Protein backbone atom coordinates (compact mmCIF):
# COMPACT_ATOMS: atom_id res chain seq x y z
CA UNK A 1 -8.21 -29.41 -10.30
CA UNK A 2 -10.74 -30.98 -9.15
CA UNK A 3 -10.90 -35.21 -10.02
CA UNK A 4 -13.56 -37.96 -10.12
CA UNK A 5 -14.36 -39.38 -6.86
CA UNK A 6 -11.97 -37.16 -5.21
CA UNK A 7 -12.67 -36.13 -1.34
CA UNK A 8 -14.66 -32.98 -1.42
CA UNK A 9 -13.02 -32.34 2.39
CA UNK A 10 -9.81 -31.72 0.58
CA UNK A 11 -10.62 -29.01 -2.04
CA UNK A 12 -12.50 -25.87 -2.31
CA UNK A 13 -13.62 -25.87 -4.86
CA UNK A 14 -15.13 -29.32 -4.87
CA UNK A 15 -16.68 -28.68 -1.35
CA UNK A 16 -18.40 -25.44 -3.08
CA UNK A 17 -19.65 -27.56 -6.01
CA UNK A 18 -21.47 -30.44 -3.63
CA UNK A 19 -23.00 -27.73 -1.54
CA UNK A 20 -24.17 -26.11 -4.69
CA UNK A 21 -25.78 -29.04 -6.01
CA UNK A 22 -27.29 -30.28 -3.04
CA UNK A 23 -28.80 -26.81 -2.37
CA UNK A 24 -30.21 -26.66 -5.65
CA UNK A 25 -31.08 -30.62 -5.90
CA UNK A 26 -33.24 -29.79 -2.55
CA UNK A 27 -34.78 -26.41 -3.94
CA UNK A 28 -35.84 -28.32 -7.21
CA UNK A 29 -37.44 -31.47 -5.60
CA UNK A 30 -39.47 -29.10 -3.10
CA UNK A 31 -40.56 -26.82 -5.87
CA UNK A 32 -41.66 -29.47 -7.56
CA UNK A 33 -43.94 -30.73 -4.69
CA UNK A 34 -45.18 -27.49 -3.98
CA UNK A 35 -46.31 -26.70 -7.43
CA UNK A 36 -48.90 -29.73 -7.09
CA UNK A 37 -50.38 -27.58 -4.43
CA UNK A 38 -50.26 -24.20 -6.69
CA UNK A 39 -47.13 -22.66 -4.80
CA UNK A 40 -44.14 -21.00 -6.53
CA UNK A 41 -40.91 -21.97 -6.74
CA UNK A 42 -39.35 -18.91 -4.09
CA UNK A 43 -41.55 -21.16 -1.16
CA UNK A 44 -39.65 -24.62 -2.09
CA UNK A 45 -36.48 -22.37 -1.62
CA UNK A 46 -37.56 -20.83 1.81
CA UNK A 47 -38.30 -24.22 2.85
CA UNK A 48 -34.74 -25.66 2.14
CA UNK A 49 -32.91 -22.66 3.86
CA UNK A 50 -35.16 -23.80 6.70
CA UNK A 51 -34.60 -27.54 6.36
CA UNK A 52 -30.75 -26.60 5.84
CA UNK A 53 -30.93 -24.32 8.56
CA UNK A 54 -30.34 -24.24 12.61
CA UNK A 55 -34.02 -25.46 12.84
CA UNK A 56 -34.05 -28.72 11.73
CA UNK A 57 -30.17 -30.53 10.06
CA UNK A 58 -28.28 -27.92 11.71
CA UNK A 59 -28.70 -29.83 15.10
CA UNK A 60 -27.20 -32.99 13.55
CA UNK A 61 -23.72 -32.89 13.95
CA UNK A 62 -22.31 -35.26 10.87
CA UNK A 63 -24.78 -33.04 8.66
CA UNK A 64 -23.27 -29.81 9.40
CA UNK A 65 -19.54 -30.92 9.41
CA UNK A 66 -19.76 -32.93 6.37
CA UNK A 67 -21.64 -30.74 4.04
CA UNK A 68 -21.34 -27.17 5.74
CA UNK A 69 -18.00 -27.28 7.51
CA UNK A 70 -17.35 -23.77 9.62
CA UNK A 71 -14.26 -23.83 7.10
CA UNK A 72 -16.51 -23.45 3.57
CA UNK A 73 -19.31 -21.50 5.53
CA UNK A 74 -17.70 -18.33 4.43
CA UNK A 75 -17.21 -18.85 0.71
CA UNK A 76 -20.81 -20.14 0.42
CA UNK A 77 -22.23 -17.36 2.55
CA UNK A 78 -20.16 -14.81 0.10
CA UNK A 79 -21.23 -16.35 -3.37
CA UNK A 80 -24.97 -16.33 -1.45
CA UNK A 81 -24.62 -12.27 -0.85
CA UNK A 82 -23.24 -12.08 -4.33
CA UNK A 83 -26.32 -13.41 -6.17
CA UNK A 84 -28.60 -11.73 -3.62
CA UNK A 85 -27.30 -8.56 -4.67
CA UNK A 86 -27.44 -9.32 -8.38
CA UNK A 87 -31.01 -10.40 -7.99
CA UNK A 88 -31.87 -7.62 -6.55
CA UNK A 89 -30.08 -5.20 -9.09
CA UNK A 90 -31.98 -7.16 -11.85
CA UNK A 91 -35.32 -6.98 -9.98
CA UNK A 92 -34.77 -3.39 -9.48
CA UNK A 93 -33.83 -3.01 -13.04
């Protein structure tokens, strides 16, 4: 069970929800900013992926170990791949 103000590193569910929350907030903010330049939301999502990846924030050890520790990457990648599979399925449908 996840309790309020718990250390997310102790619970895999809390860590996953923190990662999803941060990812969604950054994607929505970038999509809103890029809407003023008349760019689609997917461009903001791509830029968020570049920011979170090893190109920009991946070099910061504190960021990587605090938000995306190596123990939680497999779960996050599994859910991301399932989301991609469902997206491609609905796109083909």
